[in-house]
PDB file of all heavy atoms in Angstrom:
ATOM      1  N   ILE A   1      56.438  37.171 142.454  1.00  0.00           N
ATOM      2  CA  ILE A   1      57.020  37.668 143.697  1.00  0.00           C
ATOM      3  C   ILE A   1      58.132  38.676 143.409  1.00  0.00           C
ATOM      4  O   ILE A   1      58.188  39.763 144.011  1.00  0.00           O
ATOM      5  CB  ILE A   1      57.541  36.493 144.541  1.00  0.00           C
ATOM      6  CG1 ILE A   1      56.380  35.613 144.999  1.00  0.00           C
ATOM      7  CG2 ILE A   1      58.333  36.993 145.756  1.00  0.00           C
ATOM      8  CD1 ILE A   1      56.807  34.337 145.694  1.00  0.00           C
ATOM      9  N   ASN A   2      59.021  38.338 142.483  1.00  0.00           N
ATOM     10  CA  ASN A   2      60.156  39.223 142.189  1.00  0.00           C
ATOM     11  C   ASN A   2      59.703  40.531 141.545  1.00  0.00           C
ATOM     12  O   ASN A   2      60.268  41.604 141.830  1.00  0.00           O
ATOM     13  CB  ASN A   2      61.150  38.505 141.271  1.00  0.00           C
ATOM     14  CG  ASN A   2      61.871  37.376 141.969  1.00  0.00           C
ATOM     15  OD1 ASN A   2      62.022  37.382 143.190  1.00  0.00           O
ATOM     16  ND2 ASN A   2      62.331  36.401 141.212  1.00  0.00           N
ATOM     17  N   SER A   3      58.704  40.459 140.687  1.00  0.00           N
ATOM     18  CA  SER A   3      58.243  41.685 140.012  1.00  0.00           C
ATOM     19  C   SER A   3      57.617  42.661 141.000  1.00  0.00           C
ATOM     20  O   SER A   3      57.879  43.871 140.942  1.00  0.00           O
ATOM     21  CB  SER A   3      57.250  41.334 138.909  1.00  0.00           C
ATOM     22  OG  SER A   3      56.116  40.669 139.441  1.00  0.00           O
ATOM     23  N   LEU A   4      56.798  42.151 141.934  1.00  0.00           N
ATOM     24  CA  LEU A   4      56.195  43.039 142.923  1.00  0.00           C
ATOM     25  C   LEU A   4      57.235  43.583 143.893  1.00  0.00           C
ATOM     26  O   LEU A   4      57.154  44.734 144.326  1.00  0.00           O
ATOM     27  CB  LEU A   4      55.093  42.299 143.683  1.00  0.00           C
ATOM     28  CG  LEU A   4      53.771  42.102 142.932  1.00  0.00           C
ATOM     29  CD1 LEU A   4      52.753  41.382 143.800  1.00  0.00           C
ATOM     30  CD2 LEU A   4      53.203  43.433 142.460  1.00  0.00           C
ATOM     31  N   SER A   5      58.234  42.760 144.238  1.00  0.00           N
ATOM     32  CA  SER A   5      59.304  43.235 145.119  1.00  0.00           C
ATOM     33  C   SER A   5      60.108  44.340 144.453  1.00  0.00           C
ATOM     34  O   SER A   5      60.417  45.368 145.076  1.00  0.00           O
ATOM     35  CB  SER A   5      60.230  42.069 145.491  1.00  0.00           C
ATOM     36  OG  SER A   5      59.533  41.052 146.184  1.00  0.00           O
ATOM     37  N   THR A   6      60.438  44.145 143.178  1.00  0.00           N
ATOM     38  CA  THR A   6      61.183  45.168 142.437  1.00  0.00           C
ATOM     39  C   THR A   6      60.372  46.444 142.296  1.00  0.00           C
ATOM     40  O   THR A   6      60.900  47.559 142.429  1.00  0.00           O
ATOM     41  CB  THR A   6      61.564  44.630 141.050  1.00  0.00           C
ATOM     42  OG1 THR A   6      62.327  43.426 141.193  1.00  0.00           O
ATOM     43  CG2 THR A   6      62.390  45.651 140.286  1.00  0.00           C
ATOM     44  N   LEU A   7      59.074  46.297 142.043  1.00  0.00           N
ATOM     45  CA  LEU A   7      58.203  47.464 141.918  1.00  0.00           C
ATOM     46  C   LEU A   7      58.153  48.256 143.221  1.00  0.00           C
ATOM     47  O   LEU A   7      58.193  49.491 143.214  1.00  0.00           O
ATOM     48  CB  LEU A   7      56.802  47.016 141.518  1.00  0.00           C
ATOM     49  CG  LEU A   7      55.747  48.122 141.360  1.00  0.00           C
ATOM     50  CD1 LEU A   7      56.168  49.105 140.268  1.00  0.00           C
ATOM     51  CD2 LEU A   7      54.385  47.509 141.038  1.00  0.00           C
ATOM     52  N   ALA A   8      58.087  47.552 144.353  1.00  0.00           N
ATOM     53  CA  ALA A   8      58.049  48.229 145.654  1.00  0.00           C
ATOM     54  C   ALA A   8      59.348  48.981 145.925  1.00  0.00           C
ATOM     55  O   ALA A   8      59.337  50.099 146.453  1.00  0.00           O
ATOM     56  CB  ALA A   8      57.777  47.212 146.761  1.00  0.00           C
ATOM     57  N   GLN A   9      60.484  48.378 145.565  1.00  0.00           N
ATOM     58  CA  GLN A   9      61.767  49.039 145.769  1.00  0.00           C
ATOM     59  C   GLN A   9      61.896  50.287 144.903  1.00  0.00           C
ATOM     60  O   GLN A   9      62.420  51.313 145.349  1.00  0.00           O
ATOM     61  CB  GLN A   9      62.901  48.058 145.472  1.00  0.00           C
ATOM     62  CG  GLN A   9      63.007  46.928 146.485  1.00  0.00           C
ATOM     63  CD  GLN A   9      63.995  45.861 146.071  1.00  0.00           C
ATOM     64  OE1 GLN A   9      64.697  45.999 145.076  1.00  0.00           O
ATOM     65  NE2 GLN A   9      64.055  44.782 146.836  1.00  0.00           N
ATOM     66  N   LYS A  10      61.417  50.209 143.665  1.00  0.00           N
ATOM     67  CA  LYS A  10      61.468  51.383 142.798  1.00  0.00           C
ATOM     68  C   LYS A  10      60.525  52.473 143.299  1.00  0.00           C
ATOM     69  O   LYS A  10      60.860  53.662 143.263  1.00  0.00           O
ATOM     70  CB  LYS A  10      61.100  50.991 141.362  1.00  0.00           C
ATOM     71  CG  LYS A  10      62.153  50.139 140.665  1.00  0.00           C
ATOM     72  CD  LYS A  10      61.742  49.833 139.233  1.00  0.00           C
ATOM     73  CE  LYS A  10      62.802  49.018 138.517  1.00  0.00           C
ATOM     74  NZ  LYS A  10      62.403  48.698 137.119  1.00  0.00           N
ATOM     75  N   ALA A  11      59.349  52.062 143.772  1.00  0.00           N
ATOM     76  CA  ALA A  11      58.376  53.045 144.250  1.00  0.00           C
ATOM     77  C   ALA A  11      58.874  53.761 145.506  1.00  0.00           C
ATOM     78  O   ALA A  11      58.655  54.961 145.668  1.00  0.00           O
ATOM     79  CB  ALA A  11      57.032  52.364 144.526  1.00  0.00           C
ATOM     80  N   SER A  12      59.547  53.025 146.387  1.00  0.00           N
ATOM     81  CA  SER A  12      60.064  53.630 147.615  1.00  0.00           C
ATOM     82  C   SER A  12      61.425  54.282 147.410  1.00  0.00           C
ATOM     83  O   SER A  12      61.995  54.834 148.358  1.00  0.00           O
ATOM     84  CB  SER A  12      60.170  52.568 148.715  1.00  0.00           C
ATOM     85  OG  SER A  12      61.006  51.492 148.317  1.00  0.00           O
ATOM     86  N   ASN A  13      61.977  54.181 146.192  1.00  0.00           N
ATOM     87  CA  ASN A  13      63.253  54.807 145.844  1.00  0.00           C
ATOM     88  C   ASN A  13      64.367  54.366 146.791  1.00  0.00           C
ATOM     89  O   ASN A  13      65.130  55.175 147.311  1.00  0.00           O
ATOM     90  CB  ASN A  13      63.125  56.327 145.858  1.00  0.00           C
ATOM     91  CG  ASN A  13      64.294  57.010 145.164  1.00  0.00           C
ATOM     92  OD1 ASN A  13      64.950  56.414 144.294  1.00  0.00           O
ATOM     93  ND2 ASN A  13      64.577  58.249 145.540  1.00  0.00           N
ATOM     94  N   THR A  14      64.430  53.063 147.014  1.00  0.00           N
ATOM     95  CA  THR A  14      65.458  52.503 147.884  1.00  0.00           C
ATOM     96  C   THR A  14      66.208  51.411 147.135  1.00  0.00           C
ATOM     97  O   THR A  14      65.734  50.882 146.129  1.00  0.00           O
ATOM     98  CB  THR A  14      64.843  51.896 149.160  1.00  0.00           C
ATOM     99  OG1 THR A  14      63.888  50.887 148.796  1.00  0.00           O
ATOM    100  CG2 THR A  14      64.160  52.964 149.992  1.00  0.00           C
ATOM    101  N   SER A  15      67.383  51.112 147.652  1.00  0.00           N
ATOM    102  CA  SER A  15      68.147  50.002 147.099  1.00  0.00           C
ATOM    103  C   SER A  15      67.525  48.695 147.589  1.00  0.00           C
ATOM    104  O   SER A  15      66.457  48.690 148.200  1.00  0.00           O
ATOM    105  CB  SER A  15      69.610  50.107 147.524  1.00  0.00           C
ATOM    106  OG  SER A  15      69.713  50.133 148.936  1.00  0.00           O
ATOM    107  N   VAL A  16      68.192  47.603 147.346  1.00  0.00           N
ATOM    108  CA  VAL A  16      67.664  46.303 147.744  1.00  0.00           C
ATOM    109  C   VAL A  16      67.515  46.247 149.264  1.00  0.00           C
ATOM    110  O   VAL A  16      68.465  46.444 150.010  1.00  0.00           O
ATOM    111  CB  VAL A  16      68.586  45.168 147.257  1.00  0.00           C
ATOM    112  CG1 VAL A  16      68.044  43.825 147.721  1.00  0.00           C
ATOM    113  CG2 VAL A  16      68.699  45.201 145.737  1.00  0.00           C
ATOM    114  N   ILE A  17      66.293  45.967 149.726  1.00  0.00           N
ATOM    115  CA  ILE A  17      66.008  45.877 151.147  1.00  0.00           C
ATOM    116  C   ILE A  17      65.961  44.408 151.539  1.00  0.00           C
ATOM    117  O   ILE A  17      65.181  43.631 150.991  1.00  0.00           O
ATOM    118  CB  ILE A  17      64.673  46.561 151.490  1.00  0.00           C
ATOM    119  CG1 ILE A  17      64.742  48.050 151.159  1.00  0.00           C
ATOM    120  CG2 ILE A  17      64.324  46.365 152.958  1.00  0.00           C
ATOM    121  CD1 ILE A  17      63.444  48.781 151.407  1.00  0.00           C
ATOM    122  N   THR A  18      66.809  44.025 152.490  1.00  0.00           N
ATOM    123  CA  THR A  18      66.867  42.659 152.969  1.00  0.00           C
ATOM    124  C   THR A  18      66.785  42.661 154.495  1.00  0.00           C
ATOM    125  O   THR A  18      66.998  43.696 155.130  1.00  0.00           O
ATOM    126  CB  THR A  18      68.171  41.977 152.520  1.00  0.00           C
ATOM    127  OG1 THR A  18      69.287  42.655 153.129  1.00  0.00           O
ATOM    128  CG2 THR A  18      68.313  42.012 151.002  1.00  0.00           C
ATOM    129  N   PRO A  19      66.488  41.522 155.113  1.00  0.00           N
ATOM    130  CA  PRO A  19      66.467  41.471 156.578  1.00  0.00           C
ATOM    131  C   PRO A  19      67.775  41.916 157.211  1.00  0.00           C
ATOM    132  O   PRO A  19      67.774  42.566 158.264  1.00  0.00           O
ATOM    133  CB  PRO A  19      66.167  39.995 156.866  1.00  0.00           C
ATOM    134  CG  PRO A  19      65.394  39.522 155.677  1.00  0.00           C
ATOM    135  CD  PRO A  19      65.992  40.249 154.521  1.00  0.00           C
ATOM    136  N   SER A  20      68.896  41.601 156.599  1.00  0.00           N
ATOM    137  CA  SER A  20      70.185  41.969 157.178  1.00  0.00           C
ATOM    138  C   SER A  20      70.394  43.477 157.180  1.00  0.00           C
ATOM    139  O   SER A  20      70.928  44.039 158.139  1.00  0.00           O
ATOM    140  CB  SER A  20      71.324  41.287 156.409  1.00  0.00           C
ATOM    141  OG  SER A  20      71.310  39.892 156.635  1.00  0.00           O
ATOM    142  N   THR A  21      69.983  44.152 156.118  1.00  0.00           N
ATOM    143  CA  THR A  21      70.147  45.608 156.080  1.00  0.00           C
ATOM    144  C   THR A  21      69.288  46.286 157.145  1.00  0.00           C
ATOM    145  O   THR A  21      69.667  47.326 157.687  1.00  0.00           O
ATOM    146  CB  THR A  21      69.767  46.155 154.698  1.00  0.00           C
ATOM    147  OG1 THR A  21      68.408  45.794 154.388  1.00  0.00           O
ATOM    148  CG2 THR A  21      70.677  45.591 153.619  1.00  0.00           C
ATOM    149  N   ILE A  22      68.137  45.701 157.452  1.00  0.00           N
ATOM    150  CA  ILE A  22      67.265  46.261 158.489  1.00  0.00           C
ATOM    151  C   ILE A  22      67.935  46.152 159.855  1.00  0.00           C
ATOM    152  O   ILE A  22      67.979  47.110 160.634  1.00  0.00           O
ATOM    153  CB  ILE A  22      65.902  45.535 158.486  1.00  0.00           C
ATOM    154  CG1 ILE A  22      65.194  45.734 157.149  1.00  0.00           C
ATOM    155  CG2 ILE A  22      65.029  46.043 159.629  1.00  0.00           C
ATOM    156  CD1 ILE A  22      63.950  44.902 156.987  1.00  0.00           C
ATOM    157  N   VAL A  23      68.476  44.969 160.161  1.00  0.00           N
ATOM    158  CA  VAL A  23      69.134  44.765 161.455  1.00  0.00           C
ATOM    159  C   VAL A  23      70.407  45.597 161.550  1.00  0.00           C
ATOM    160  O   VAL A  23      70.724  46.155 162.612  1.00  0.00           O
ATOM    161  CB  VAL A  23      69.440  43.272 161.670  1.00  0.00           C
ATOM    162  CG1 VAL A  23      70.211  43.067 162.970  1.00  0.00           C
ATOM    163  CG2 VAL A  23      68.152  42.466 161.715  1.00  0.00           C
ATOM    164  N   ASP A  24      71.140  45.712 160.458  1.00  0.00           N
ATOM    165  CA  ASP A  24      72.371  46.505 160.467  1.00  0.00           C
ATOM    166  C   ASP A  24      72.094  47.958 160.817  1.00  0.00           C
ATOM    167  O   ASP A  24      72.885  48.603 161.516  1.00  0.00           O
ATOM    168  CB  ASP A  24      73.062  46.419 159.099  1.00  0.00           C
ATOM    169  CG  ASP A  24      73.681  45.047 158.860  1.00  0.00           C
ATOM    170  OD1 ASP A  24      73.859  44.311 159.847  1.00  0.00           O
ATOM    171  OD2 ASP A  24      73.979  44.732 157.695  1.00  0.00           O
ATOM    172  N   LEU A  25      70.972  48.492 160.344  1.00  0.00           N
ATOM    173  CA  LEU A  25      70.609  49.868 160.668  1.00  0.00           C
ATOM    174  C   LEU A  25      70.358  50.007 162.167  1.00  0.00           C
ATOM    175  O   LEU A  25      70.754  51.008 162.791  1.00  0.00           O
ATOM    176  CB  LEU A  25      69.374  50.290 159.873  1.00  0.00           C
ATOM    177  CG  LEU A  25      68.864  51.706 160.103  1.00  0.00           C
ATOM    178  CD1 LEU A  25      69.947  52.729 159.767  1.00  0.00           C
ATOM    179  CD2 LEU A  25      67.611  51.969 159.277  1.00  0.00           C
ATOM    180  N   GLY A  26      69.719  49.004 162.760  1.00  0.00           N
ATOM    181  CA  GLY A  26      69.497  49.029 164.202  1.00  0.00           C
ATOM    182  C   GLY A  26      70.790  49.012 164.990  1.00  0.00           C
ATOM    183  O   GLY A  26      70.934  49.735 165.994  1.00  0.00           O
ATOM    184  N   PHE A  27      71.759  48.224 164.538  1.00  0.00           N
ATOM    185  CA  PHE A  27      73.060  48.190 165.210  1.00  0.00           C
ATOM    186  C   PHE A  27      73.826  49.502 165.033  1.00  0.00           C
ATOM    187  O   PHE A  27      74.586  49.908 165.916  1.00  0.00           O
ATOM    188  CB  PHE A  27      73.898  47.016 164.693  1.00  0.00           C
ATOM    189  CG  PHE A  27      73.564  45.711 165.353  1.00  0.00           C
ATOM    190  CD1 PHE A  27      72.921  44.703 164.656  1.00  0.00           C
ATOM    191  CD2 PHE A  27      73.899  45.483 166.683  1.00  0.00           C
ATOM    192  CE1 PHE A  27      72.609  43.501 165.264  1.00  0.00           C
ATOM    193  CE2 PHE A  27      73.599  44.286 167.304  1.00  0.00           C
ATOM    194  CZ  PHE A  27      72.942  43.291 166.598  1.00  0.00           C
ATOM    195  N   MET A  28      73.653  50.160 163.893  1.00  0.00           N
ATOM    196  CA  MET A  28      74.289  51.458 163.683  1.00  0.00           C
ATOM    197  C   MET A  28      73.786  52.479 164.710  1.00  0.00           C
ATOM    198  O   MET A  28      74.570  53.225 165.311  1.00  0.00           O
ATOM    199  CB  MET A  28      74.012  51.961 162.262  1.00  0.00           C
ATOM    200  CG  MET A  28      74.776  51.236 161.168  1.00  0.00           C
ATOM    201  SD  MET A  28      74.160  51.668 159.511  1.00  0.00           S
ATOM    202  CE  MET A  28      74.315  53.457 159.552  1.00  0.00           C
ATOM    203  N   ILE A  29      72.457  52.498 164.920  1.00  0.00           N
ATOM    204  CA  ILE A  29      71.881  53.423 165.898  1.00  0.00           C
ATOM    205  C   ILE A  29      72.331  53.064 167.308  1.00  0.00           C
ATOM    206  O   ILE A  29      72.653  53.933 168.124  1.00  0.00           O
ATOM    207  CB  ILE A  29      70.345  53.406 165.786  1.00  0.00           C
ATOM    208  CG1 ILE A  29      69.917  53.913 164.409  1.00  0.00           C
ATOM    209  CG2 ILE A  29      69.696  54.229 166.891  1.00  0.00           C
ATOM    210  CD1 ILE A  29      68.436  53.834 164.142  1.00  0.00           C
ATOM    211  N   TRP A  30      72.375  51.776 167.614  1.00  0.00           N
ATOM    212  CA  TRP A  30      72.841  51.329 168.941  1.00  0.00           C
ATOM    213  C   TRP A  30      74.293  51.731 169.173  1.00  0.00           C
ATOM    214  O   TRP A  30      74.657  52.204 170.249  1.00  0.00           O
ATOM    215  CB  TRP A  30      72.677  49.819 169.047  1.00  0.00           C
ATOM    216  CG  TRP A  30      73.310  49.213 170.259  1.00  0.00           C
ATOM    217  CD1 TRP A  30      74.534  48.615 170.342  1.00  0.00           C
ATOM    218  CD2 TRP A  30      72.771  49.163 171.589  1.00  0.00           C
ATOM    219  NE1 TRP A  30      74.788  48.183 171.604  1.00  0.00           N
ATOM    220  CE2 TRP A  30      73.726  48.511 172.409  1.00  0.00           C
ATOM    221  CE3 TRP A  30      71.583  49.606 172.161  1.00  0.00           C
ATOM    222  CZ2 TRP A  30      73.514  48.290 173.762  1.00  0.00           C
ATOM    223  CZ3 TRP A  30      71.374  49.375 173.505  1.00  0.00           C
ATOM    224  CH2 TRP A  30      72.333  48.744 174.296  1.00  0.00           C
ATOM    225  N   LYS A  31      75.119  51.552 168.148  1.00  0.00           N
ATOM    226  CA  LYS A  31      76.537  51.900 168.283  1.00  0.00           C
ATOM    227  C   LYS A  31      76.705  53.398 168.496  1.00  0.00           C
ATOM    228  O   LYS A  31      77.560  53.843 169.286  1.00  0.00           O
ATOM    229  CB  LYS A  31      77.299  51.450 167.041  1.00  0.00           C
ATOM    230  CG  LYS A  31      78.798  51.692 167.122  1.00  0.00           C
ATOM    231  CD  LYS A  31      79.501  51.160 165.882  1.00  0.00           C
ATOM    232  CE  LYS A  31      81.003  51.401 165.967  1.00  0.00           C
ATOM    233  NZ  LYS A  31      81.701  50.914 164.744  1.00  0.00           N
ATOM    234  N   ARG A  32      75.912  54.211 167.788  1.00  0.00           N
ATOM    235  CA  ARG A  32      76.007  55.658 167.959  1.00  0.00           C
ATOM    236  C   ARG A  32      75.614  56.048 169.390  1.00  0.00           C
ATOM    237  O   ARG A  32      76.223  56.935 169.990  1.00  0.00           O
ATOM    238  CB  ARG A  32      75.090  56.352 166.952  1.00  0.00           C
ATOM    239  CG  ARG A  32      75.068  57.879 167.044  1.00  0.00           C
ATOM    240  CD  ARG A  32      76.424  58.483 166.714  1.00  0.00           C
ATOM    241  NE  ARG A  32      76.809  58.253 165.346  1.00  0.00           N
ATOM    242  CZ  ARG A  32      76.482  59.057 164.327  1.00  0.00           C
ATOM    243  NH1 ARG A  32      75.748  60.131 164.553  1.00  0.00           N
ATOM    244  NH2 ARG A  32      76.898  58.797 163.113  1.00  0.00           N
ATOM    245  N   ALA A  33      74.597  55.365 169.953  1.00  0.00           N
ATOM    246  CA  ALA A  33      74.183  55.657 171.327  1.00  0.00           C
ATOM    247  C   ALA A  33      75.262  55.251 172.322  1.00  0.00           C
ATOM    248  O   ALA A  33      75.538  55.959 173.296  1.00  0.00           O
ATOM    249  CB  ALA A  33      72.870  54.955 171.641  1.00  0.00           C
ATOM    250  N   VAL A  34      75.904  54.096 172.089  1.00  0.00           N
ATOM    251  CA  VAL A  34      76.966  53.631 172.985  1.00  0.00           C
ATOM    252  C   VAL A  34      78.166  54.559 172.907  1.00  0.00           C
ATOM    253  O   VAL A  34      78.808  54.874 173.914  1.00  0.00           O
ATOM    254  CB  VAL A  34      77.371  52.179 172.632  1.00  0.00           C
ATOM    255  CG1 VAL A  34      78.599  51.756 173.424  1.00  0.00           C
ATOM    256  CG2 VAL A  34      76.211  51.230 172.908  1.00  0.00           C
ATOM    257  N   THR A  35      78.469  55.032 171.707  1.00  0.00           N
ATOM    258  CA  THR A  35      79.594  55.947 171.529  1.00  0.00           C
ATOM    259  C   THR A  35      79.363  57.258 172.283  1.00  0.00           C
ATOM    260  O   THR A  35      80.308  57.880 172.772  1.00  0.00           O
ATOM    261  CB  THR A  35      79.809  56.241 170.034  1.00  0.00           C
ATOM    262  OG1 THR A  35      79.989  55.007 169.332  1.00  0.00           O
ATOM    263  CG2 THR A  35      81.034  57.112 169.821  1.00  0.00           C
ATOM    264  N   GLY A  36      78.084  57.655 172.387  1.00  0.00           N
ATOM    265  CA  GLY A  36      77.767  58.914 173.041  1.00  0.00           C
ATOM    266  C   GLY A  36      77.605  58.808 174.553  1.00  0.00           C
ATOM    267  O   GLY A  36      77.184  59.776 175.190  1.00  0.00           O
ATOM    268  N   LEU A  37      77.921  57.653 175.169  1.00  0.00           N
ATOM    269  CA  LEU A  37      77.802  57.504 176.615  1.00  0.00           C
ATOM    270  C   LEU A  37      78.756  58.451 177.344  1.00  0.00           C
ATOM    271  O   LEU A  37      79.903  58.625 176.930  1.00  0.00           O
ATOM    272  CB  LEU A  37      78.093  56.053 177.026  1.00  0.00           C
ATOM    273  CG  LEU A  37      77.042  54.993 176.663  1.00  0.00           C
ATOM    274  CD1 LEU A  37      77.524  53.614 177.072  1.00  0.00           C
ATOM    275  CD2 LEU A  37      75.708  55.303 177.318  1.00  0.00           C
ATOM    276  N   SER A  38      78.260  59.035 178.416  1.00  0.00           N
ATOM    277  CA  SER A  38      79.080  59.945 179.192  1.00  0.00           C
ATOM    278  C   SER A  38      78.660  59.878 180.656  1.00  0.00           C
ATOM    279  O   SER A  38      77.458  59.891 180.967  1.00  0.00           O
ATOM    280  CB  SER A  38      78.932  61.385 178.669  1.00  0.00           C
ATOM    281  OG  SER A  38      79.624  62.288 179.509  1.00  0.00           O
ATOM    282  N   VAL A  39      79.658  59.798 181.527  1.00  0.00           N
ATOM    283  CA  VAL A  39      79.358  59.758 182.965  1.00  0.00           C
ATOM    284  C   VAL A  39      78.847  61.103 183.457  1.00  0.00           C
ATOM    285  O   VAL A  39      78.245  61.197 184.534  1.00  0.00           O
ATOM    286  CB  VAL A  39      80.610  59.344 183.763  1.00  0.00           C
ATOM    287  CG1 VAL A  39      81.010  57.926 183.436  1.00  0.00           C
ATOM    288  CG2 VAL A  39      81.762  60.300 183.487  1.00  0.00           C
ATOM    289  N   TRP A  40      79.107  62.171 182.673  1.00  0.00           N
ATOM    290  CA  TRP A  40      78.682  63.513 183.081  1.00  0.00           C
ATOM    291  C   TRP A  40      77.213  63.773 182.746  1.00  0.00           C
ATOM    292  O   TRP A  40      76.643  64.761 183.229  1.00  0.00           O
ATOM    293  CB  TRP A  40      79.575  64.560 182.407  1.00  0.00           C
ATOM    294  CG  TRP A  40      81.028  64.349 182.703  1.00  0.00           C
ATOM    295  CD1 TRP A  40      81.993  63.911 181.856  1.00  0.00           C
ATOM    296  CD2 TRP A  40      81.665  64.540 183.963  1.00  0.00           C
ATOM    297  NE1 TRP A  40      83.203  63.807 182.472  1.00  0.00           N
ATOM    298  CE2 TRP A  40      83.030  64.191 183.800  1.00  0.00           C
ATOM    299  CE3 TRP A  40      81.228  64.953 185.220  1.00  0.00           C
ATOM    300  CZ2 TRP A  40      83.951  64.250 184.825  1.00  0.00           C
ATOM    301  CZ3 TRP A  40      82.156  65.021 186.256  1.00  0.00           C
ATOM    302  CH2 TRP A  40      83.506  64.675 186.059  1.00  0.00           C
ATOM    303  N   SER A  41      76.634  62.932 181.899  1.00  0.00           N
ATOM    304  CA  SER A  41      75.207  63.077 181.576  1.00  0.00           C
ATOM    305  C   SER A  41      74.548  61.697 181.611  1.00  0.00           C
ATOM    306  O   SER A  41      74.210  61.138 180.565  1.00  0.00           O
ATOM    307  CB  SER A  41      75.027  63.720 180.205  1.00  0.00           C
ATOM    308  OG  SER A  41      75.743  63.000 179.220  1.00  0.00           O
ATOM    309  N   PRO A  42      74.435  61.124 182.812  1.00  0.00           N
ATOM    310  CA  PRO A  42      73.904  59.759 182.930  1.00  0.00           C
ATOM    311  C   PRO A  42      72.464  59.630 182.456  1.00  0.00           C
ATOM    312  O   PRO A  42      72.091  58.603 181.878  1.00  0.00           O
ATOM    313  CB  PRO A  42      74.032  59.463 184.424  1.00  0.00           C
ATOM    314  CG  PRO A  42      74.042  60.807 185.081  1.00  0.00           C
ATOM    315  CD  PRO A  42      74.743  61.724 184.125  1.00  0.00           C
ATOM    316  N   VAL A  43      71.650  60.657 182.699  1.00  0.00           N
ATOM    317  CA  VAL A  43      70.246  60.564 182.295  1.00  0.00           C
ATOM    318  C   VAL A  43      70.126  60.507 180.779  1.00  0.00           C
ATOM    319  O   VAL A  43      69.400  59.670 180.210  1.00  0.00           O
ATOM    320  CB  VAL A  43      69.450  61.754 182.851  1.00  0.00           C
ATOM    321  CG1 VAL A  43      67.998  61.699 182.350  1.00  0.00           C
ATOM    322  CG2 VAL A  43      69.487  61.756 184.375  1.00  0.00           C
ATOM    323  N   ASP A  44      70.851  61.400 180.103  1.00  0.00           N
ATOM    324  CA  ASP A  44      70.820  61.399 178.634  1.00  0.00           C
ATOM    325  C   ASP A  44      71.374  60.095 178.074  1.00  0.00           C
ATOM    326  O   ASP A  44      70.843  59.535 177.105  1.00  0.00           O
ATOM    327  CB  ASP A  44      71.622  62.577 178.088  1.00  0.00           C
ATOM    328  CG  ASP A  44      70.943  63.902 178.393  1.00  0.00           C
ATOM    329  OD1 ASP A  44      69.738  63.878 178.707  1.00  0.00           O
ATOM    330  OD2 ASP A  44      71.623  64.938 178.324  1.00  0.00           O
ATOM    331  N   SER A  45      72.458  59.607 178.671  1.00  0.00           N
ATOM    332  CA  SER A  45      73.071  58.372 178.192  1.00  0.00           C
ATOM    333  C   SER A  45      72.127  57.186 178.372  1.00  0.00           C
ATOM    334  O   SER A  45      71.961  56.358 177.467  1.00  0.00           O
ATOM    335  CB  SER A  45      74.378  58.112 178.945  1.00  0.00           C
ATOM    336  OG  SER A  45      75.303  59.153 178.718  1.00  0.00           O
ATOM    337  N   PHE A  46      71.493  57.112 179.555  1.00  0.00           N
ATOM    338  CA  PHE A  46      70.566  56.006 179.816  1.00  0.00           C
ATOM    339  C   PHE A  46      69.366  56.076 178.874  1.00  0.00           C
ATOM    340  O   PHE A  46      68.918  55.054 178.338  1.00  0.00           O
ATOM    341  CB  PHE A  46      70.102  56.071 181.280  1.00  0.00           C
ATOM    342  CG  PHE A  46      69.126  54.999 181.652  1.00  0.00           C
ATOM    343  CD1 PHE A  46      69.552  53.692 181.852  1.00  0.00           C
ATOM    344  CD2 PHE A  46      67.779  55.297 181.797  1.00  0.00           C
ATOM    345  CE1 PHE A  46      68.644  52.696 182.186  1.00  0.00           C
ATOM    346  CE2 PHE A  46      66.870  54.304 182.137  1.00  0.00           C
ATOM    347  CZ  PHE A  46      67.301  53.005 182.341  1.00  0.00           C
TER     348      PHE A  46
END
């Protein structure tokens, strides 16, 4: 299991991929969208 996981990470040229890093990326995108909220552009914000 570990050898195939390490091989996949090297092949995809990424650091260690874990469930937490996946969810953290989603929260980063959500936070950027919330930061960009504006009452002057409700359609874009929504």
